[in-house]
Amino acid sequence: MTEKRKLIDLRSFGAIGFQDAPNGLWLGKQNYLPQSKLLERIIDTCIKNEVDITAITTEDDCVLTGYPEDRFGFLANQIKSLRNPYYGEKIDENLLVLI
């Protein structure tokens, strides 16, 4: 019997916040440029590394919607900018499907 195993990365880390900030912090300050196409870059990296499932995590005790620590909310808002061959859908308050 041939079994397809899945590679799951449950603890992916990113820069402290994805959003641009007027004070020059976050991705720009940390030299993560360009600050666009983050979903595409995550998808491409997973494909390259043969990762089937990944998680973006935060170490904050409290994540407020719309604040820089709200990585999931920021990425979920980026779904509308995906173009072929990429696809994304928010299917739960804490879950995205990206292809």
PDB file of N, CA and C in Angstrom:
ATOM      1  N   MET A   1       0.841  -1.167   0.000  1.00  0.00           N
ATOM      2  CA  MET A   1       0.000   0.000   0.000  1.00  0.00           C
ATOM      3  C   MET A   1       0.894   1.241   0.000  1.00  0.00           C
ATOM      4  N   THR A   2       0.602   2.136  -0.930  1.00  0.00           N
ATOM      5  CA  THR A   2       1.348   3.392  -1.007  1.00  0.00           C
ATOM      6  C   THR A   2       0.638   4.440  -0.166  1.00  0.00           C
ATOM      7  N   GLU A   3       1.397   5.047   0.727  1.00  0.00           N
ATOM      8  CA  GLU A   3       0.816   6.041   1.631  1.00  0.00           C
ATOM      9  C   GLU A   3       1.450   7.395   1.371  1.00  0.00           C
ATOM     10  N   LYS A   4       0.618   8.408   1.200  1.00  0.00           N
ATOM     11  CA  LYS A   4       1.113   9.773   1.031  1.00  0.00           C
ATOM     12  C   LYS A   4       1.199  10.422   2.395  1.00  0.00           C
ATOM     13  N   ARG A   5       2.404  10.699   2.836  1.00  0.00           N
ATOM     14  CA  ARG A   5       2.584  11.349   4.124  1.00  0.00           C
ATOM     15  C   ARG A   5       2.509  12.860   3.956  1.00  0.00           C
ATOM     16  N   LYS A   6       2.058  13.530   4.982  1.00  0.00           N
ATOM     17  CA  LYS A   6       1.946  14.983   4.979  1.00  0.00           C
ATOM     18  C   LYS A   6       3.029  15.569   5.866  1.00  0.00           C
ATOM     19  N   LEU A   7       3.644  16.635   5.395  1.00  0.00           N
ATOM     20  CA  LEU A   7       4.601  17.373   6.199  1.00  0.00           C
ATOM     21  C   LEU A   7       3.883  18.586   6.756  1.00  0.00           C
ATOM     22  N   ILE A   8       3.862  18.707   8.078  1.00  0.00           N
ATOM     23  CA  ILE A   8       3.138  19.775   8.751  1.00  0.00           C
ATOM     24  C   ILE A   8       4.112  20.575   9.599  1.00  0.00           C
ATOM     25  N   ASP A   9       4.125  21.884   9.381  1.00  0.00           N
ATOM     26  CA  ASP A   9       4.951  22.805  10.165  1.00  0.00           C
ATOM     27  C   ASP A   9       4.003  23.592  11.059  1.00  0.00           C
ATOM     28  N   LEU A  10       3.948  23.241  12.330  1.00  0.00           N
ATOM     29  CA  LEU A  10       2.966  23.842  13.235  1.00  0.00           C
ATOM     30  C   LEU A  10       3.462  25.098  13.941  1.00  0.00           C
ATOM     31  N   ARG A  11       4.660  25.532  13.647  1.00  0.00           N
ATOM     32  CA  ARG A  11       5.190  26.670  14.390  1.00  0.00           C
ATOM     33  C   ARG A  11       6.027  27.561  13.492  1.00  0.00           C
ATOM     34  N   SER A  12       5.435  28.120  12.464  1.00  0.00           N
ATOM     35  CA  SER A  12       6.136  29.057  11.591  1.00  0.00           C
ATOM     36  C   SER A  12       6.205  30.412  12.268  1.00  0.00           C
ATOM     37  N   PHE A  13       7.331  31.054  12.166  1.00  0.00           N
ATOM     38  CA  PHE A  13       7.491  32.380  12.750  1.00  0.00           C
ATOM     39  C   PHE A  13       7.709  33.396  11.646  1.00  0.00           C
ATOM     40  N   GLY A  14       7.172  34.573  11.856  1.00  0.00           N
ATOM     41  CA  GLY A  14       7.398  35.667  10.937  1.00  0.00           C
ATOM     42  C   GLY A  14       7.964  36.842  11.703  1.00  0.00           C
ATOM     43  N   ALA A  15       8.170  37.909  10.992  1.00  0.00           N
ATOM     44  CA  ALA A  15       8.593  39.136  11.667  1.00  0.00           C
ATOM     45  C   ALA A  15       7.507  39.532  12.667  1.00  0.00           C
ATOM     46  N   ILE A  16       7.810  40.433  13.576  1.00  0.00           N
ATOM     47  CA  ILE A  16       6.903  40.738  14.682  1.00  0.00           C
ATOM     48  C   ILE A  16       5.519  41.200  14.226  1.00  0.00           C
ATOM     49  N   GLY A  17       5.407  41.797  13.082  1.00  0.00           N
ATOM     50  CA  GLY A  17       4.108  42.193  12.545  1.00  0.00           C
ATOM     51  C   GLY A  17       4.208  42.344  11.042  1.00  0.00           C
ATOM     52  N   PHE A  18       3.139  42.090  10.345  1.00  0.00           N
ATOM     53  CA  PHE A  18       3.162  42.165   8.889  1.00  0.00           C
ATOM     54  C   PHE A  18       2.842  43.561   8.363  1.00  0.00           C
ATOM     55  N   GLN A  19       2.122  44.358   9.130  1.00  0.00           N
ATOM     56  CA  GLN A  19       1.663  45.643   8.633  1.00  0.00           C
ATOM     57  C   GLN A  19       2.792  46.664   8.512  1.00  0.00           C
ATOM     58  N   ASP A  20       2.620  47.565   7.554  1.00  0.00           N
ATOM     59  CA  ASP A  20       3.489  48.735   7.486  1.00  0.00           C
ATOM     60  C   ASP A  20       3.095  49.634   8.659  1.00  0.00           C
ATOM     61  N   ALA A  21       4.035  50.350   9.194  1.00  0.00           N
ATOM     62  CA  ALA A  21       3.725  51.266  10.287  1.00  0.00           C
ATOM     63  C   ALA A  21       4.315  52.630   9.955  1.00  0.00           C
ATOM     64  N   PRO A  22       3.620  53.712  10.327  1.00  0.00           N
ATOM     65  CA  PRO A  22       4.110  55.052  10.007  1.00  0.00           C
ATOM     66  C   PRO A  22       5.477  55.360  10.616  1.00  0.00           C
ATOM     67  N   ASN A  23       5.838  54.670  11.682  1.00  0.00           N
ATOM     68  CA  ASN A  23       7.127  54.933  12.321  1.00  0.00           C
ATOM     69  C   ASN A  23       8.265  54.110  11.719  1.00  0.00           C
ATOM     70  N   GLY A  24       7.987  53.356  10.647  1.00  0.00           N
ATOM     71  CA  GLY A  24       9.037  52.603   9.967  1.00  0.00           C
ATOM     72  C   GLY A  24       9.373  51.269  10.600  1.00  0.00           C
ATOM     73  N   LEU A  25       8.559  50.808  11.527  1.00  0.00           N
ATOM     74  CA  LEU A  25       8.816  49.520  12.162  1.00  0.00           C
ATOM     75  C   LEU A  25       8.272  48.375  11.321  1.00  0.00           C
ATOM     76  N   TRP A  26       8.258  47.218  11.862  1.00  0.00           N
ATOM     77  CA  TRP A  26       7.742  45.993  11.284  1.00  0.00           C
ATOM     78  C   TRP A  26       8.601  45.526  10.121  1.00  0.00           C
ATOM     79  N   LEU A  27       8.001  45.079   9.056  1.00  0.00           N
ATOM     80  CA  LEU A  27       8.771  44.443   7.983  1.00  0.00           C
ATOM     81  C   LEU A  27       9.797  45.364   7.345  1.00  0.00           C
ATOM     82  N   GLY A  28       9.433  46.604   7.072  1.00  0.00           N
ATOM     83  CA  GLY A  28      10.376  47.533   6.447  1.00  0.00           C
ATOM     84  C   GLY A  28      11.594  47.773   7.308  1.00  0.00           C
ATOM     85  N   LYS A  29      11.377  47.960   8.586  1.00  0.00           N
ATOM     86  CA  LYS A  29      12.465  48.198   9.529  1.00  0.00           C
ATOM     87  C   LYS A  29      13.401  46.988   9.599  1.00  0.00           C
ATOM     88  N   GLN A  30      12.840  45.792   9.406  1.00  0.00           N
ATOM     89  CA  GLN A  30      13.618  44.567   9.505  1.00  0.00           C
ATOM     90  C   GLN A  30      14.148  44.110   8.139  1.00  0.00           C
ATOM     91  N   ASN A  31      14.039  44.983   7.138  1.00  0.00           N
ATOM     92  CA  ASN A  31      14.539  44.727   5.786  1.00  0.00           C
ATOM     93  C   ASN A  31      13.843  43.569   5.075  1.00  0.00           C
ATOM     94  N   TYR A  32      12.578  43.303   5.410  1.00  0.00           N
ATOM     95  CA  TYR A  32      11.790  42.327   4.675  1.00  0.00           C
ATOM     96  C   TYR A  32      11.071  43.077   3.557  1.00  0.00           C
ATOM     97  N   LEU A  33      11.700  43.190   2.428  1.00  0.00           N
ATOM     98  CA  LEU A  33      11.121  43.917   1.307  1.00  0.00           C
ATOM     99  C   LEU A  33      11.085  43.022   0.084  1.00  0.00           C
ATOM    100  N   PRO A  34      10.150  43.104  -0.819  1.00  0.00           N
ATOM    101  CA  PRO A  34       8.998  43.991  -0.702  1.00  0.00           C
ATOM    102  C   PRO A  34       8.011  43.442   0.326  1.00  0.00           C
ATOM    103  N   GLN A  35       7.188  44.321   0.826  1.00  0.00           N
ATOM    104  CA  GLN A  35       6.217  43.940   1.846  1.00  0.00           C
ATOM    105  C   GLN A  35       4.891  43.508   1.230  1.00  0.00           C
ATOM    106  N   SER A  36       4.920  43.141  -0.008  1.00  0.00           N
ATOM    107  CA  SER A  36       3.698  42.717  -0.678  1.00  0.00           C
ATOM    108  C   SER A  36       3.789  41.238  -1.031  1.00  0.00           C
ATOM    109  N   LYS A  37       2.681  40.705  -1.457  1.00  0.00           N
ATOM    110  CA  LYS A  37       2.586  39.317  -1.901  1.00  0.00           C
ATOM    111  C   LYS A  37       3.038  38.327  -0.824  1.00  0.00           C
ATOM    112  N   LEU A  38       2.700  38.617   0.430  1.00  0.00           N
ATOM    113  CA  LEU A  38       3.097  37.732   1.516  1.00  0.00           C
ATOM    114  C   LEU A  38       2.454  36.355   1.399  1.00  0.00           C
ATOM    115  N   LEU A  39       1.165  36.286   1.027  1.00  0.00           N
ATOM    116  CA  LEU A  39       0.524  34.981   0.880  1.00  0.00           C
ATOM    117  C   LEU A  39       1.192  34.164  -0.210  1.00  0.00           C
ATOM    118  N   GLU A  40       1.494  34.795  -1.332  1.00  0.00           N
ATOM    119  CA  GLU A  40       2.163  34.093  -2.421  1.00  0.00           C
ATOM    120  C   GLU A  40       3.527  33.577  -1.969  1.00  0.00           C
ATOM    121  N   ARG A  41       4.236  34.387  -1.187  1.00  0.00           N
ATOM    122  CA  ARG A  41       5.557  33.983  -0.705  1.00  0.00           C
ATOM    123  C   ARG A  41       5.448  32.819   0.275  1.00  0.00           C
ATOM    124  N   ILE A  42       4.413  32.815   1.121  1.00  0.00           N
ATOM    125  CA  ILE A  42       4.197  31.700   2.044  1.00  0.00           C
ATOM    126  C   ILE A  42       3.869  30.431   1.260  1.00  0.00           C
ATOM    127  N   ILE A  43       2.962  30.535   0.287  1.00  0.00           N
ATOM    128  CA  ILE A  43       2.590  29.381  -0.530  1.00  0.00           C
ATOM    129  C   ILE A  43       3.813  28.839  -1.266  1.00  0.00           C
ATOM    130  N   ASP A  44       4.559  29.710  -1.920  1.00  0.00           N
ATOM    131  CA  ASP A  44       5.738  29.278  -2.676  1.00  0.00           C
ATOM    132  C   ASP A  44       6.764  28.587  -1.781  1.00  0.00           C
ATOM    133  N   THR A  45       6.976  29.111  -0.585  1.00  0.00           N
ATOM    134  CA  THR A  45       7.936  28.513   0.344  1.00  0.00           C
ATOM    135  C   THR A  45       7.463  27.138   0.799  1.00  0.00           C
ATOM    136  N   CYS A  46       6.174  27.008   1.071  1.00  0.00           N
ATOM    137  CA  CYS A  46       5.642  25.698   1.455  1.00  0.00           C
ATOM    138  C   CYS A  46       5.803  24.690   0.323  1.00  0.00           C
ATOM    139  N   ILE A  47       5.497  25.099  -0.890  1.00  0.00           N
ATOM    140  CA  ILE A  47       5.655  24.193  -2.037  1.00  0.00           C
ATOM    141  C   ILE A  47       7.109  23.792  -2.199  1.00  0.00           C
ATOM    142  N   LYS A  48       7.999  24.759  -2.143  1.00  0.00           N
ATOM    143  CA  LYS A  48       9.433  24.497  -2.295  1.00  0.00           C
ATOM    144  C   LYS A  48       9.931  23.501  -1.249  1.00  0.00           C
ATOM    145  N   ASN A  49       9.440  23.641  -0.011  1.00  0.00           N
ATOM    146  CA  ASN A  49       9.885  22.779   1.090  1.00  0.00           C
ATOM    147  C   ASN A  49       8.991  21.559   1.301  1.00  0.00           C
ATOM    148  N   GLU A  50       8.029  21.358   0.384  1.00  0.00           N
ATOM    149  CA  GLU A  50       7.099  20.229   0.417  1.00  0.00           C
ATOM    150  C   GLU A  50       6.304  20.164   1.720  1.00  0.00           C
ATOM    151  N   VAL A  51       5.926  21.343   2.238  1.00  0.00           N
ATOM    152  CA  VAL A  51       5.111  21.433   3.443  1.00  0.00           C
ATOM    153  C   VAL A  51       3.649  21.502   3.017  1.00  0.00           C
ATOM    154  N   ASP A  52       2.831  20.588   3.545  1.00  0.00           N
ATOM    155  CA  ASP A  52       1.418  20.543   3.190  1.00  0.00           C
ATOM    156  C   ASP A  52       0.565  21.473   4.049  1.00  0.00           C
ATOM    157  N   ILE A  53       0.938  21.637   5.311  1.00  0.00           N
ATOM    158  CA  ILE A  53       0.174  22.465   6.246  1.00  0.00           C
ATOM    159  C   ILE A  53       1.164  23.276   7.068  1.00  0.00           C
ATOM    160  N   THR A  54       0.864  24.557   7.260  1.00  0.00           N
ATOM    161  CA  THR A  54       1.714  25.386   8.113  1.00  0.00           C
ATOM    162  C   THR A  54       0.847  26.258   8.997  1.00  0.00           C
ATOM    163  N   ALA A  55       1.437  26.794  10.043  1.00  0.00           N
ATOM    164  CA  ALA A  55       0.737  27.677  10.975  1.00  0.00           C
ATOM    165  C   ALA A  55       1.573  28.921  11.184  1.00  0.00           C
ATOM    166  N   ILE A  56       0.923  30.070  11.165  1.00  0.00           N
ATOM    167  CA  ILE A  56       1.574  31.327  11.524  1.00  0.00           C
ATOM    168  C   ILE A  56       1.186  31.581  12.976  1.00  0.00           C
ATOM    169  N   THR A  57       2.159  31.721  13.819  1.00  0.00           N
ATOM    170  CA  THR A  57       1.871  31.839  15.246  1.00  0.00           C
ATOM    171  C   THR A  57       2.335  33.179  15.795  1.00  0.00           C
ATOM    172  N   THR A  58       1.812  33.504  16.958  1.00  0.00           N
ATOM    173  CA  THR A  58       2.251  34.677  17.685  1.00  0.00           C
ATOM    174  C   THR A  58       2.513  34.270  19.124  1.00  0.00           C
ATOM    175  N   GLU A  59       3.373  34.997  19.788  1.00  0.00           N
ATOM    176  CA  GLU A  59       3.641  34.707  21.190  1.00  0.00           C
ATOM    177  C   GLU A  59       2.970  35.720  22.112  1.00  0.00           C
ATOM    178  N   ASP A  60       2.171  36.613  21.566  1.00  0.00           N
ATOM    179  CA  ASP A  60       1.465  37.592  22.390  1.00  0.00           C
ATOM    180  C   ASP A  60       0.360  36.914  23.195  1.00  0.00           C
ATOM    181  N   ASP A  61       0.128  37.403  24.393  1.00  0.00           N
ATOM    182  CA  ASP A  61      -0.944  36.875  25.231  1.00  0.00           C
ATOM    183  C   ASP A  61      -2.311  37.288  24.713  1.00  0.00           C
ATOM    184  N   CYS A  62      -2.392  38.483  24.152  1.00  0.00           N
ATOM    185  CA  CYS A  62      -3.655  39.021  23.671  1.00  0.00           C
ATOM    186  C   CYS A  62      -3.436  39.619  22.283  1.00  0.00           C
ATOM    187  N   VAL A  63      -4.173  39.109  21.310  1.00  0.00           N
ATOM    188  CA  VAL A  63      -4.067  39.620  19.945  1.00  0.00           C
ATOM    189  C   VAL A  63      -5.351  40.369  19.632  1.00  0.00           C
ATOM    190  N   LEU A  64      -5.226  41.662  19.403  1.00  0.00           N
ATOM    191  CA  LEU A  64      -6.386  42.493  19.110  1.00  0.00           C
ATOM    192  C   LEU A  64      -6.561  42.620  17.604  1.00  0.00           C
ATOM    193  N   THR A  65      -7.765  42.397  17.136  1.00  0.00           N
ATOM    194  CA  THR A  65      -8.076  42.475  15.715  1.00  0.00           C
ATOM    195  C   THR A  65      -7.651  43.816  15.144  1.00  0.00           C
ATOM    196  N   GLY A  66      -6.921  43.757  14.014  1.00  0.00           N
ATOM    197  CA  GLY A  66      -6.499  44.969  13.326  1.00  0.00           C
ATOM    198  C   GLY A  66      -5.168  45.533  13.781  1.00  0.00           C
ATOM    199  N   TYR A  67      -4.599  45.011  14.848  1.00  0.00           N
ATOM    200  CA  TYR A  67      -3.299  45.489  15.323  1.00  0.00           C
ATOM    201  C   TYR A  67      -2.170  44.682  14.674  1.00  0.00           C
ATOM    202  N   PRO A  68      -0.944  45.201  14.676  1.00  0.00           N
ATOM    203  CA  PRO A  68       0.161  44.509  13.995  1.00  0.00           C
ATOM    204  C   PRO A  68       0.374  43.059  14.422  1.00  0.00           C
ATOM    205  N   GLU A  69       0.042  42.713  15.637  1.00  0.00           N
ATOM    206  CA  GLU A  69       0.207  41.336  16.091  1.00  0.00           C
ATOM    207  C   GLU A  69      -0.845  40.396  15.510  1.00  0.00           C
ATOM    208  N   ASP A  70      -1.888  40.935  14.905  1.00  0.00           N
ATOM    209  CA  ASP A  70      -2.971  40.130  14.320  1.00  0.00           C
ATOM    210  C   ASP A  70      -2.542  39.611  12.949  1.00  0.00           C
ATOM    211  N   ARG A  71      -1.595  38.694  12.954  1.00  0.00           N
ATOM    212  CA  ARG A  71      -1.056  38.167  11.700  1.00  0.00           C
ATOM    213  C   ARG A  71      -2.130  37.479  10.871  1.00  0.00           C
ATOM    214  N   PHE A  72      -2.965  36.677  11.529  1.00  0.00           N
ATOM    215  CA  PHE A  72      -4.011  35.976  10.793  1.00  0.00           C
ATOM    216  C   PHE A  72      -4.968  36.948  10.118  1.00  0.00           C
ATOM    217  N   GLY A  73      -5.411  37.945  10.846  1.00  0.00           N
ATOM    218  CA  GLY A  73      -6.332  38.924  10.274  1.00  0.00           C
ATOM    219  C   GLY A  73      -5.728  39.654   9.090  1.00  0.00           C
ATOM    220  N   PHE A  74      -4.454  40.016   9.214  1.00  0.00           N
ATOM    221  CA  PHE A  74      -3.779  40.704   8.117  1.00  0.00           C
ATOM    222  C   PHE A  74      -3.691  39.806   6.888  1.00  0.00           C
ATOM    223  N   LEU A  75      -3.283  38.554   7.088  1.00  0.00           N
ATOM    224  CA  LEU A  75      -3.174  37.628   5.953  1.00  0.00           C
ATOM    225  C   LEU A  75      -4.542  37.325   5.351  1.00  0.00           C
ATOM    226  N   ALA A  76      -5.566  37.173   6.187  1.00  0.00           N
ATOM    227  CA  ALA A  76      -6.915  36.909   5.675  1.00  0.00           C
ATOM    228  C   ALA A  76      -7.382  38.048   4.774  1.00  0.00           C
ATOM    229  N   ASN A  77      -7.029  39.272   5.110  1.00  0.00           N
ATOM    230  CA  ASN A  77      -7.396  40.420   4.274  1.00  0.00           C
ATOM    231  C   ASN A  77      -6.660  40.430   2.947  1.00  0.00           C
ATOM    232  N   GLN A  78      -5.544  39.731   2.860  1.00  0.00           N
ATOM    233  CA  GLN A  78      -4.760  39.698   1.622  1.00  0.00           C
ATOM    234  C   GLN A  78      -5.310  38.707   0.597  1.00  0.00           C
ATOM    235  N   ILE A  79      -6.243  37.855   0.998  1.00  0.00           N
ATOM    236  CA  ILE A  79      -6.785  36.845   0.079  1.00  0.00           C
ATOM    237  C   ILE A  79      -7.346  37.481  -1.183  1.00  0.00           C
ATOM    238  N   LYS A  80      -8.012  38.611  -1.033  1.00  0.00           N
ATOM    239  CA  LYS A  80      -8.645  39.248  -2.197  1.00  0.00           C
ATOM    240  C   LYS A  80      -7.633  39.704  -3.249  1.00  0.00           C
ATOM    241  N   SER A  81      -6.365  39.814  -2.859  1.00  0.00           N
ATOM    242  CA  SER A  81      -5.345  40.237  -3.824  1.00  0.00           C
ATOM    243  C   SER A  81      -4.683  39.062  -4.542  1.00  0.00           C
ATOM    244  N   LEU A  82      -5.027  37.823  -4.169  1.00  0.00           N
ATOM    245  CA  LEU A  82      -4.429  36.659  -4.834  1.00  0.00           C
ATOM    246  C   LEU A  82      -4.913  36.552  -6.275  1.00  0.00           C
ATOM    247  N   ARG A  83      -4.013  36.232  -7.163  1.00  0.00           N
ATOM    248  CA  ARG A  83      -4.326  36.030  -8.581  1.00  0.00           C
ATOM    249  C   ARG A  83      -3.862  34.645  -8.994  1.00  0.00           C
ATOM    250  N   ASN A  84      -4.422  34.135 -10.092  1.00  0.00           N
ATOM    251  CA  ASN A  84      -4.000  32.831 -10.610  1.00  0.00           C
ATOM    252  C   ASN A  84      -2.491  32.754 -10.718  1.00  0.00           C
ATOM    253  N   PRO A  85      -1.878  31.661 -10.365  1.00  0.00           N
ATOM    254  CA  PRO A  85      -2.449  30.359 -10.020  1.00  0.00           C
ATOM    255  C   PRO A  85      -2.742  30.191  -8.532  1.00  0.00           C
ATOM    256  N   TYR A  86      -2.693  31.257  -7.756  1.00  0.00           N
ATOM    257  CA  TYR A  86      -2.906  31.167  -6.318  1.00  0.00           C
ATOM    258  C   TYR A  86      -4.388  31.259  -5.989  1.00  0.00           C
ATOM    259  N   TYR A  87      -4.774  30.610  -4.890  1.00  0.00           N
ATOM    260  CA  TYR A  87      -6.161  30.648  -4.431  1.00  0.00           C
ATOM    261  C   TYR A  87      -6.158  30.648  -2.907  1.00  0.00           C
ATOM    262  N   GLY A  88      -7.069  31.392  -2.313  1.00  0.00           N
ATOM    263  CA  GLY A  88      -7.203  31.396  -0.871  1.00  0.00           C
ATOM    264  C   GLY A  88      -8.635  31.606  -0.444  1.00  0.00           C
ATOM    265  N   GLU A  89      -8.973  31.046   0.696  1.00  0.00           N
ATOM    266  CA  GLU A  89     -10.320  31.192   1.238  1.00  0.00           C
ATOM    267  C   GLU A  89     -10.237  31.135   2.765  1.00  0.00           C
ATOM    268  N   LYS A  90     -10.924  32.051   3.441  1.00  0.00           N
ATOM    269  CA  LYS A  90     -11.028  32.006   4.901  1.00  0.00           C
ATOM    270  C   LYS A  90     -12.202  31.101   5.220  1.00  0.00           C
ATOM    271  N   ILE A  91     -11.940  29.997   5.913  1.00  0.00           N
ATOM    272  CA  ILE A  91     -13.010  29.037   6.174  1.00  0.00           C
ATOM    273  C   ILE A  91     -13.403  28.963   7.648  1.00  0.00           C
ATOM    274  N   ASP A  92     -12.686  29.712   8.483  1.00  0.00           N
ATOM    275  CA  ASP A  92     -12.972  29.721   9.911  1.00  0.00           C
ATOM    276  C   ASP A  92     -12.336  30.975  10.493  1.00  0.00           C
ATOM    277  N   GLU A  93     -12.642  31.287  11.723  1.00  0.00           N
ATOM    278  CA  GLU A  93     -12.051  32.466  12.361  1.00  0.00           C
ATOM    279  C   GLU A  93     -10.539  32.351  12.507  1.00  0.00           C
ATOM    280  N   ASN A  94     -10.007  31.140  12.448  1.00  0.00           N
ATOM    281  CA  ASN A  94      -8.572  30.926  12.612  1.00  0.00           C
ATOM    282  C   ASN A  94      -7.979  30.014  11.558  1.00  0.00           C
ATOM    283  N   LEU A  95      -8.627  29.905  10.393  1.00  0.00           N
ATOM    284  CA  LEU A  95      -8.172  28.947   9.405  1.00  0.00           C
ATOM    285  C   LEU A  95      -8.336  29.476   7.984  1.00  0.00           C
ATOM    286  N   LEU A  96      -7.255  29.423   7.233  1.00  0.00           N
ATOM    287  CA  LEU A  96      -7.258  29.766   5.809  1.00  0.00           C
ATOM    288  C   LEU A  96      -6.858  28.542   5.010  1.00  0.00           C
ATOM    289  N   VAL A  97      -7.394  28.427   3.818  1.00  0.00           N
ATOM    290  CA  VAL A  97      -6.931  27.437   2.860  1.00  0.00           C
ATOM    291  C   VAL A  97      -6.231  28.229   1.774  1.00  0.00           C
ATOM    292  N   LEU A  98      -4.993  27.873   1.504  1.00  0.00           N
ATOM    293  CA  LEU A  98      -4.209  28.524   0.453  1.00  0.00           C
ATOM    294  C   LEU A  98      -3.654  27.476  -0.485  1.00  0.00           C
ATOM    295  N   ILE A  99      -3.784  27.744  -1.768  1.00  0.00           N
ATOM    296  CA  ILE A  99      -3.285  26.804  -2.774  1.00  0.00           C
ATOM    297  C   ILE A  99      -2.497  27.597  -3.794  1.00  0.00           C
TER     298      ILE A  99
END
